[in-house]
Amino acid sequence: MLEHFFSGSALVAVDAKGRLSVPAGIRQKIERRSDTRAIVLTRHPTEPCLSGFDTNYLRSLYVDNERRRLAEEERDPLAHYSRDRRSFGSAEEVPYDTSGRILLTSKLRRRGQLEDLALFVGVGATFELWNPQLALKSEDPEIREFAAEALEERGVAL
């Protein structure tokens, strides 16, 4: 059972090599939930962003996928393969250094459509990593507001 949840949002710079600093609040939760100094990033199931979590959360993800597979087995026996591929096939474990910096692979940058800025958004058991320009176009008014506020604070014209 999870005891530490991801909350809040933060906008960080992504350099030309794909390096960025993971916000301190995210790192604190990762270190409380896992023995590793790494985050796992994978394709989000419905949004044009990445989902992130600690390495121990993979177990919860598997259990949830299996529960859904059993519930859908008669209706759509192949649905879980796609879900498992998205959940695990696109997942990459990304270690962070003592200052909290990670290096996004070109694959992760492409999957998350990340450029020079990244918006971290806590969503409880996981967090999301958005291109803030895509977040401004989201159908979800909350994510649009997080992106607008973060960009305004940074002095980026909308």
N, C-alpha and C. Protein backbone atom coordinates (compact mmCIF):
# COMPACT_ATOMS: atom_id res chain seq x y z
N MET A 1 0.84 -1.18 0.00
CA MET A 1 0.00 0.00 0.00
C MET A 1 0.89 1.25 0.00
N LEU A 2 0.58 2.17 -0.86
CA LEU A 2 1.36 3.40 -0.96
C LEU A 2 1.07 4.32 0.21
N GLU A 3 2.12 4.95 0.70
CA GLU A 3 1.97 5.90 1.79
C GLU A 3 2.40 7.31 1.39
N HIS A 4 3.17 7.43 0.35
CA HIS A 4 3.72 8.73 -0.07
C HIS A 4 3.24 9.02 -1.48
N PHE A 5 2.63 10.17 -1.66
CA PHE A 5 2.01 10.51 -2.94
C PHE A 5 2.65 11.73 -3.56
N PHE A 6 2.65 11.74 -4.90
CA PHE A 6 3.20 12.87 -5.65
C PHE A 6 2.15 13.96 -5.75
N SER A 7 2.56 15.20 -5.44
CA SER A 7 1.63 16.32 -5.51
C SER A 7 2.38 17.56 -5.99
N GLY A 8 1.62 18.56 -6.38
CA GLY A 8 2.21 19.81 -6.85
C GLY A 8 2.64 19.74 -8.30
N SER A 9 3.17 20.87 -8.77
CA SER A 9 3.68 20.94 -10.13
C SER A 9 4.90 21.85 -10.15
N ALA A 10 5.77 21.61 -11.13
CA ALA A 10 6.99 22.41 -11.25
C ALA A 10 7.46 22.40 -12.70
N LEU A 11 7.92 23.54 -13.15
CA LEU A 11 8.47 23.68 -14.50
C LEU A 11 9.99 23.71 -14.40
N VAL A 12 10.64 22.87 -15.19
CA VAL A 12 12.10 22.81 -15.19
C VAL A 12 12.64 22.92 -16.61
N ALA A 13 13.87 23.39 -16.71
CA ALA A 13 14.53 23.50 -18.01
C ALA A 13 15.10 22.15 -18.43
N VAL A 14 15.08 21.90 -19.73
CA VAL A 14 15.71 20.72 -20.32
C VAL A 14 16.81 21.25 -21.23
N ASP A 15 18.05 20.82 -20.99
CA ASP A 15 19.14 21.35 -21.81
C ASP A 15 19.22 20.60 -23.14
N ALA A 16 20.12 21.03 -23.99
CA ALA A 16 20.23 20.47 -25.35
C ALA A 16 20.55 18.98 -25.35
N LYS A 17 21.21 18.49 -24.30
CA LYS A 17 21.54 17.07 -24.21
C LYS A 17 20.42 16.24 -23.58
N GLY A 18 19.36 16.90 -23.11
CA GLY A 18 18.25 16.18 -22.50
C GLY A 18 18.35 16.05 -20.99
N ARG A 19 19.22 16.84 -20.37
CA ARG A 19 19.36 16.80 -18.92
C ARG A 19 18.35 17.75 -18.28
N LEU A 20 17.82 17.32 -17.16
CA LEU A 20 16.92 18.17 -16.38
C LEU A 20 17.02 17.80 -14.92
N SER A 21 16.60 18.72 -14.06
CA SER A 21 16.59 18.47 -12.62
C SER A 21 15.21 18.01 -12.19
N VAL A 22 15.17 16.86 -11.54
CA VAL A 22 13.92 16.36 -10.98
C VAL A 22 13.61 17.19 -9.74
N PRO A 23 12.41 17.76 -9.63
CA PRO A 23 12.08 18.58 -8.47
C PRO A 23 12.30 17.83 -7.15
N ALA A 24 12.74 18.57 -6.13
CA ALA A 24 13.06 17.97 -4.83
C ALA A 24 11.89 17.17 -4.26
N GLY A 25 10.66 17.67 -4.41
CA GLY A 25 9.50 16.96 -3.87
C GLY A 25 9.31 15.60 -4.51
N ILE A 26 9.58 15.49 -5.79
CA ILE A 26 9.48 14.21 -6.50
C ILE A 26 10.57 13.27 -5.98
N ARG A 27 11.80 13.78 -5.88
CA ARG A 27 12.92 12.94 -5.40
C ARG A 27 12.67 12.44 -3.98
N GLN A 28 12.13 13.29 -3.12
CA GLN A 28 11.84 12.87 -1.74
C GLN A 28 10.85 11.71 -1.71
N LYS A 29 9.81 11.77 -2.53
CA LYS A 29 8.83 10.68 -2.57
C LYS A 29 9.46 9.41 -3.14
N ILE A 30 10.26 9.56 -4.19
CA ILE A 30 10.94 8.40 -4.79
C ILE A 30 11.79 7.70 -3.73
N GLU A 31 12.55 8.47 -2.97
CA GLU A 31 13.46 7.89 -1.99
C GLU A 31 12.71 7.29 -0.79
N ARG A 32 11.53 7.77 -0.51
CA ARG A 32 10.72 7.16 0.56
C ARG A 32 10.07 5.86 0.09
N ARG A 33 9.79 5.76 -1.20
CA ARG A 33 9.07 4.61 -1.75
C ARG A 33 9.97 3.54 -2.33
N SER A 34 11.26 3.82 -2.49
CA SER A 34 12.14 2.90 -3.21
C SER A 34 13.54 2.94 -2.64
N ASP A 35 14.31 1.87 -2.89
CA ASP A 35 15.71 1.82 -2.47
C ASP A 35 16.65 2.40 -3.51
N THR A 36 16.13 2.78 -4.67
CA THR A 36 16.98 3.27 -5.75
C THR A 36 16.82 4.77 -5.92
N ARG A 37 17.85 5.39 -6.44
CA ARG A 37 17.80 6.81 -6.78
C ARG A 37 17.54 6.89 -8.28
N ALA A 38 16.34 6.47 -8.66
CA ALA A 38 15.97 6.44 -10.07
C ALA A 38 14.47 6.62 -10.19
N ILE A 39 14.07 7.17 -11.32
CA ILE A 39 12.66 7.23 -11.65
C ILE A 39 12.43 6.33 -12.86
N VAL A 40 11.22 5.86 -12.99
CA VAL A 40 10.82 5.09 -14.17
C VAL A 40 9.89 5.99 -14.96
N LEU A 41 10.16 6.13 -16.24
CA LEU A 41 9.33 6.92 -17.13
C LEU A 41 8.78 6.02 -18.22
N THR A 42 7.49 6.18 -18.50
CA THR A 42 6.83 5.38 -19.52
C THR A 42 5.79 6.23 -20.22
N ARG A 43 5.34 5.77 -21.34
CA ARG A 43 4.31 6.47 -22.10
C ARG A 43 3.01 6.52 -21.29
N HIS A 44 2.38 7.66 -21.25
CA HIS A 44 1.09 7.80 -20.58
C HIS A 44 0.04 7.07 -21.41
N PRO A 45 -0.95 6.41 -20.76
CA PRO A 45 -1.92 5.63 -21.53
C PRO A 45 -2.86 6.45 -22.41
N THR A 46 -3.11 7.71 -22.06
CA THR A 46 -4.08 8.49 -22.86
C THR A 46 -3.62 9.89 -23.23
N GLU A 47 -2.67 10.43 -22.54
CA GLU A 47 -2.24 11.82 -22.75
C GLU A 47 -0.91 11.89 -23.49
N PRO A 48 -0.60 13.02 -24.14
CA PRO A 48 0.67 13.18 -24.84
C PRO A 48 1.79 13.60 -23.89
N CYS A 49 2.04 12.76 -22.88
CA CYS A 49 3.06 13.06 -21.89
C CYS A 49 3.64 11.74 -21.40
N LEU A 50 4.58 11.83 -20.46
CA LEU A 50 5.14 10.64 -19.84
C LEU A 50 4.57 10.48 -18.44
N SER A 51 4.45 9.24 -18.00
CA SER A 51 4.10 8.93 -16.62
C SER A 51 5.38 8.52 -15.91
N GLY A 52 5.51 8.93 -14.66
CA GLY A 52 6.70 8.60 -13.90
C GLY A 52 6.35 8.06 -12.53
N PHE A 53 7.27 7.26 -11.98
CA PHE A 53 7.06 6.68 -10.66
C PHE A 53 8.37 6.06 -10.19
N ASP A 54 8.36 5.51 -8.98
CA ASP A 54 9.52 4.83 -8.43
C ASP A 54 9.58 3.40 -8.97
N THR A 55 10.72 2.75 -8.79
CA THR A 55 10.90 1.40 -9.32
C THR A 55 9.97 0.38 -8.64
N ASN A 56 9.64 0.58 -7.38
CA ASN A 56 8.74 -0.36 -6.69
C ASN A 56 7.32 -0.30 -7.23
N TYR A 57 6.94 0.81 -7.85
CA TYR A 57 5.58 0.96 -8.36
C TYR A 57 5.31 0.00 -9.53
N LEU A 58 6.36 -0.50 -10.16
CA LEU A 58 6.17 -1.45 -11.26
C LEU A 58 5.34 -2.65 -10.79
N ARG A 59 5.54 -3.07 -9.55
CA ARG A 59 4.76 -4.19 -9.00
C ARG A 59 3.27 -3.83 -8.97
N SER A 60 2.95 -2.64 -8.50
CA SER A 60 1.55 -2.18 -8.45
C SER A 60 0.97 -2.09 -9.85
N LEU A 61 1.77 -1.63 -10.78
CA LEU A 61 1.32 -1.51 -12.16
C LEU A 61 0.99 -2.90 -12.74
N TYR A 62 1.85 -3.86 -12.46
CA TYR A 62 1.60 -5.21 -12.93
C TYR A 62 0.30 -5.76 -12.33
N VAL A 63 0.11 -5.60 -11.02
CA VAL A 63 -1.09 -6.10 -10.35
C VAL A 63 -2.34 -5.45 -10.94
N ASP A 64 -2.28 -4.14 -11.18
CA ASP A 64 -3.43 -3.45 -11.76
C ASP A 64 -3.71 -3.95 -13.18
N ASN A 65 -2.67 -4.12 -13.98
CA ASN A 65 -2.84 -4.63 -15.34
C ASN A 65 -3.44 -6.04 -15.32
N GLU A 66 -2.99 -6.87 -14.40
CA GLU A 66 -3.50 -8.23 -14.31
C GLU A 66 -4.97 -8.23 -13.88
N ARG A 67 -5.32 -7.37 -12.93
CA ARG A 67 -6.72 -7.24 -12.51
C ARG A 67 -7.59 -6.84 -13.69
N ARG A 68 -7.12 -5.88 -14.46
CA ARG A 68 -7.88 -5.43 -15.63
C ARG A 68 -7.96 -6.53 -16.70
N ARG A 69 -6.88 -7.30 -16.86
CA ARG A 69 -6.88 -8.41 -17.83
C ARG A 69 -7.97 -9.41 -17.47
N LEU A 70 -8.03 -9.78 -16.20
CA LEU A 70 -9.03 -10.76 -15.77
C LEU A 70 -10.45 -10.23 -15.96
N ALA A 71 -10.65 -8.95 -15.69
CA ALA A 71 -11.99 -8.36 -15.85
C ALA A 71 -12.41 -8.28 -17.31
N GLU A 72 -11.43 -8.10 -18.22
CA GLU A 72 -11.73 -7.92 -19.64
C GLU A 72 -11.58 -9.19 -20.45
N GLU A 73 -11.14 -10.26 -19.84
CA GLU A 73 -10.75 -11.46 -20.56
C GLU A 73 -11.79 -11.95 -21.57
N GLU A 74 -13.04 -12.00 -21.17
CA GLU A 74 -14.06 -12.50 -22.09
C GLU A 74 -14.44 -11.48 -23.16
N ARG A 75 -14.49 -10.22 -22.78
CA ARG A 75 -14.89 -9.16 -23.71
C ARG A 75 -13.82 -8.87 -24.75
N ASP A 76 -12.58 -8.73 -24.29
CA ASP A 76 -11.50 -8.34 -25.20
C ASP A 76 -10.21 -9.04 -24.75
N PRO A 77 -10.01 -10.28 -25.15
CA PRO A 77 -8.89 -11.06 -24.64
C PRO A 77 -7.50 -10.51 -25.03
N LEU A 78 -7.42 -9.61 -25.99
CA LEU A 78 -6.12 -9.09 -26.42
C LEU A 78 -5.77 -7.71 -25.87
N ALA A 79 -6.72 -7.06 -25.20
CA ALA A 79 -6.50 -5.69 -24.72
C ALA A 79 -5.32 -5.57 -23.77
N HIS A 80 -5.12 -6.57 -22.95
CA HIS A 80 -4.05 -6.45 -21.96
C HIS A 80 -2.66 -6.46 -22.57
N TYR A 81 -2.50 -7.10 -23.73
CA TYR A 81 -1.18 -7.11 -24.37
C TYR A 81 -0.73 -5.69 -24.71
N SER A 82 -1.63 -4.93 -25.27
CA SER A 82 -1.31 -3.55 -25.60
C SER A 82 -0.99 -2.75 -24.33
N ARG A 83 -1.79 -2.94 -23.30
CA ARG A 83 -1.59 -2.22 -22.04
C ARG A 83 -0.24 -2.61 -21.42
N ASP A 84 0.09 -3.92 -21.42
CA ASP A 84 1.37 -4.35 -20.87
C ASP A 84 2.55 -3.82 -21.68
N ARG A 85 2.40 -3.81 -23.00
CA ARG A 85 3.48 -3.27 -23.84
C ARG A 85 3.72 -1.80 -23.54
N ARG A 86 2.61 -1.04 -23.42
CA ARG A 86 2.74 0.38 -23.11
C ARG A 86 3.34 0.56 -21.73
N SER A 87 2.84 -0.19 -20.75
CA SER A 87 3.29 -0.04 -19.37
C SER A 87 4.75 -0.44 -19.18
N PHE A 88 5.14 -1.56 -19.75
CA PHE A 88 6.47 -2.10 -19.48
C PHE A 88 7.43 -1.98 -20.65
N GLY A 89 6.95 -2.13 -21.86
CA GLY A 89 7.83 -2.06 -23.03
C GLY A 89 8.39 -0.68 -23.25
N SER A 90 7.62 0.34 -22.91
CA SER A 90 8.11 1.71 -23.11
C SER A 90 8.75 2.28 -21.86
N ALA A 91 8.77 1.51 -20.77
CA ALA A 91 9.32 2.01 -19.49
C ALA A 91 10.85 2.01 -19.51
N GLU A 92 11.40 3.10 -19.02
CA GLU A 92 12.86 3.21 -18.88
C GLU A 92 13.18 3.68 -17.48
N GLU A 93 14.11 2.98 -16.84
CA GLU A 93 14.60 3.39 -15.53
C GLU A 93 15.70 4.42 -15.74
N VAL A 94 15.53 5.59 -15.14
CA VAL A 94 16.46 6.69 -15.34
C VAL A 94 17.03 7.11 -13.98
N PRO A 95 18.30 6.81 -13.73
CA PRO A 95 18.90 7.20 -12.44
C PRO A 95 19.13 8.70 -12.38
N TYR A 96 19.11 9.25 -11.17
CA TYR A 96 19.47 10.66 -11.01
C TYR A 96 20.70 10.77 -10.12
N ASP A 97 21.48 11.83 -10.38
CA ASP A 97 22.72 12.02 -9.64
C ASP A 97 22.44 12.71 -8.31
N THR A 98 23.49 13.02 -7.56
CA THR A 98 23.32 13.60 -6.22
C THR A 98 22.66 14.97 -6.25
N SER A 99 22.72 15.66 -7.37
CA SER A 99 22.04 16.96 -7.48
C SER A 99 20.63 16.82 -8.06
N GLY A 100 20.20 15.58 -8.34
CA GLY A 100 18.84 15.35 -8.82
C GLY A 100 18.67 15.46 -10.32
N ARG A 101 19.77 15.46 -11.05
CA ARG A 101 19.68 15.58 -12.51
C ARG A 101 19.57 14.22 -13.16
N ILE A 102 18.73 14.16 -14.20
CA ILE A 102 18.59 12.95 -15.02
C ILE A 102 18.92 13.30 -16.46
N LEU A 103 19.17 12.27 -17.23
CA LEU A 103 19.38 12.42 -18.67
C LEU A 103 18.27 11.66 -19.37
N LEU A 104 17.43 12.40 -20.08
CA LEU A 104 16.36 11.78 -20.85
C LEU A 104 16.94 11.22 -22.14
N THR A 105 16.65 9.98 -22.44
CA THR A 105 17.08 9.42 -23.71
C THR A 105 16.31 10.10 -24.84
N SER A 106 16.84 10.00 -26.04
CA SER A 106 16.13 10.60 -27.18
C SER A 106 14.76 9.95 -27.36
N LYS A 107 14.66 8.67 -27.03
CA LYS A 107 13.38 7.96 -27.12
C LYS A 107 12.35 8.57 -26.16
N LEU A 108 12.77 8.83 -24.91
CA LEU A 108 11.85 9.43 -23.94
C LEU A 108 11.47 10.85 -24.34
N ARG A 109 12.44 11.60 -24.83
CA ARG A 109 12.13 12.97 -25.28
C ARG A 109 11.12 12.95 -26.41
N ARG A 110 11.27 12.02 -27.33
CA ARG A 110 10.34 11.90 -28.45
C ARG A 110 8.96 11.45 -27.96
N ARG A 111 8.92 10.44 -27.12
CA ARG A 111 7.63 9.94 -26.61
C ARG A 111 6.88 11.01 -25.81
N GLY A 112 7.60 11.82 -25.05
CA GLY A 112 6.97 12.87 -24.26
C GLY A 112 6.88 14.20 -25.00
N GLN A 113 7.41 14.24 -26.22
CA GLN A 113 7.44 15.45 -27.03
C GLN A 113 8.06 16.61 -26.25
N LEU A 114 9.12 16.29 -25.49
CA LEU A 114 9.77 17.28 -24.62
C LEU A 114 10.84 18.04 -25.38
N GLU A 115 10.85 19.34 -25.15
CA GLU A 115 11.81 20.20 -25.83
C GLU A 115 12.69 20.89 -24.78
N ASP A 116 12.55 22.22 -24.61
CA ASP A 116 13.43 22.95 -23.70
C ASP A 116 12.87 23.12 -22.30
N LEU A 117 11.61 22.78 -22.10
CA LEU A 117 10.99 22.86 -20.78
C LEU A 117 10.18 21.61 -20.51
N ALA A 118 10.08 21.24 -19.24
CA ALA A 118 9.26 20.08 -18.84
C ALA A 118 8.46 20.46 -17.61
N LEU A 119 7.19 20.12 -17.64
CA LEU A 119 6.28 20.39 -16.53
C LEU A 119 6.00 19.09 -15.78
N PHE A 120 6.45 19.02 -14.53
CA PHE A 120 6.15 17.89 -13.66
C PHE A 120 4.82 18.17 -12.98
N VAL A 121 3.92 17.18 -12.97
CA VAL A 121 2.62 17.31 -12.31
C VAL A 121 2.38 16.06 -11.48
N GLY A 122 2.25 16.24 -10.16
CA GLY A 122 1.95 15.12 -9.28
C GLY A 122 0.50 14.69 -9.44
N VAL A 123 0.27 13.39 -9.57
CA VAL A 123 -1.10 12.88 -9.70
C VAL A 123 -1.32 11.71 -8.74
N GLY A 124 -0.79 11.82 -7.54
CA GLY A 124 -1.01 10.80 -6.52
C GLY A 124 0.05 9.71 -6.57
N ALA A 125 -0.32 8.53 -7.03
CA ALA A 125 0.60 7.39 -7.05
C ALA A 125 1.72 7.58 -8.08
N THR A 126 1.50 8.44 -9.07
CA THR A 126 2.47 8.70 -10.12
C THR A 126 2.59 10.20 -10.34
N PHE A 127 3.48 10.57 -11.26
CA PHE A 127 3.55 11.96 -11.70
C PHE A 127 3.60 11.96 -13.22
N GLU A 128 3.31 13.10 -13.81
CA GLU A 128 3.36 13.25 -15.26
C GLU A 128 4.44 14.24 -15.63
N LEU A 129 4.99 14.05 -16.81
CA LEU A 129 6.02 14.94 -17.34
C LEU A 129 5.53 15.42 -18.71
N TRP A 130 5.20 16.71 -18.78
CA TRP A 130 4.55 17.32 -19.95
C TRP A 130 5.46 18.32 -20.65
N ASN A 131 5.30 18.43 -21.95
CA ASN A 131 5.76 19.59 -22.68
C ASN A 131 4.72 20.67 -22.33
N PRO A 132 5.12 21.79 -21.72
CA PRO A 132 4.12 22.76 -21.27
C PRO A 132 3.29 23.36 -22.41
N GLN A 133 3.85 23.42 -23.61
CA GLN A 133 3.08 23.93 -24.75
C GLN A 133 1.95 22.97 -25.11
N LEU A 134 2.20 21.66 -25.01
CA LEU A 134 1.15 20.67 -25.23
C LEU A 134 0.13 20.71 -24.09
N ALA A 135 0.61 20.93 -22.88
CA ALA A 135 -0.29 21.02 -21.72
C ALA A 135 -1.27 22.18 -21.89
N LEU A 136 -0.81 23.27 -22.49
CA LEU A 136 -1.70 24.42 -22.73
C LEU A 136 -2.85 24.07 -23.68
N LYS A 137 -2.66 23.04 -24.49
CA LYS A 137 -3.67 22.63 -25.47
C LYS A 137 -4.52 21.44 -24.99
N SER A 138 -4.27 20.98 -23.78
CA SER A 138 -4.97 19.81 -23.25
C SER A 138 -6.47 20.08 -23.12
N GLU A 139 -7.24 19.02 -23.19
CA GLU A 139 -8.68 19.13 -22.95
C GLU A 139 -8.97 19.30 -21.45
N ASP A 140 -8.01 18.97 -20.62
CA ASP A 140 -8.18 19.07 -19.16
C ASP A 140 -7.86 20.50 -18.71
N PRO A 141 -8.84 21.22 -18.18
CA PRO A 141 -8.59 22.60 -17.75
C PRO A 141 -7.56 22.70 -16.63
N GLU A 142 -7.44 21.68 -15.80
CA GLU A 142 -6.45 21.72 -14.71
C GLU A 142 -5.04 21.74 -15.26
N ILE A 143 -4.74 20.87 -16.21
CA ILE A 143 -3.38 20.81 -16.75
C ILE A 143 -3.07 22.09 -17.52
N ARG A 144 -4.07 22.64 -18.19
CA ARG A 144 -3.87 23.92 -18.89
C ARG A 144 -3.51 25.02 -17.89
N GLU A 145 -4.22 25.03 -16.77
CA GLU A 145 -3.95 26.05 -15.75
C GLU A 145 -2.55 25.88 -15.14
N PHE A 146 -2.15 24.64 -14.84
CA PHE A 146 -0.81 24.40 -14.29
C PHE A 146 0.25 24.92 -15.25
N ALA A 147 0.08 24.62 -16.54
CA ALA A 147 1.06 25.04 -17.53
C ALA A 147 1.09 26.57 -17.66
N ALA A 148 -0.08 27.19 -17.72
CA ALA A 148 -0.13 28.65 -17.86
C ALA A 148 0.52 29.33 -16.67
N GLU A 149 0.20 28.88 -15.48
CA GLU A 149 0.80 29.48 -14.27
C GLU A 149 2.32 29.32 -14.27
N ALA A 150 2.79 28.12 -14.59
CA ALA A 150 4.23 27.86 -14.57
C ALA A 150 4.96 28.68 -15.63
N LEU A 151 4.39 28.78 -16.80
CA LEU A 151 5.03 29.57 -17.85
C LEU A 151 5.02 31.05 -17.53
N GLU A 152 3.92 31.55 -16.97
CA GLU A 152 3.86 32.96 -16.57
C GLU A 152 4.90 33.26 -15.49
N GLU A 153 5.03 32.38 -14.50
CA GLU A 153 6.03 32.56 -13.44
C GLU A 153 7.45 32.62 -14.01
N ARG A 154 7.67 31.88 -15.07
CA ARG A 154 8.98 31.84 -15.71
C ARG A 154 9.17 33.01 -16.70
N GLY A 155 8.11 33.76 -16.96
CA GLY A 155 8.20 34.89 -17.85
C GLY A 155 8.08 34.53 -19.33
N VAL A 156 7.53 33.35 -19.60
CA VAL A 156 7.35 32.90 -20.99
C VAL A 156 6.02 33.44 -21.48
N ALA A 157 6.04 34.11 -22.62
CA ALA A 157 4.79 34.65 -23.22
C ALA A 157 3.91 33.50 -23.67
N LEU A 158 2.62 33.63 -23.41
CA LEU A 158 1.66 32.57 -23.80
C LEU A 158 1.10 32.82 -25.16
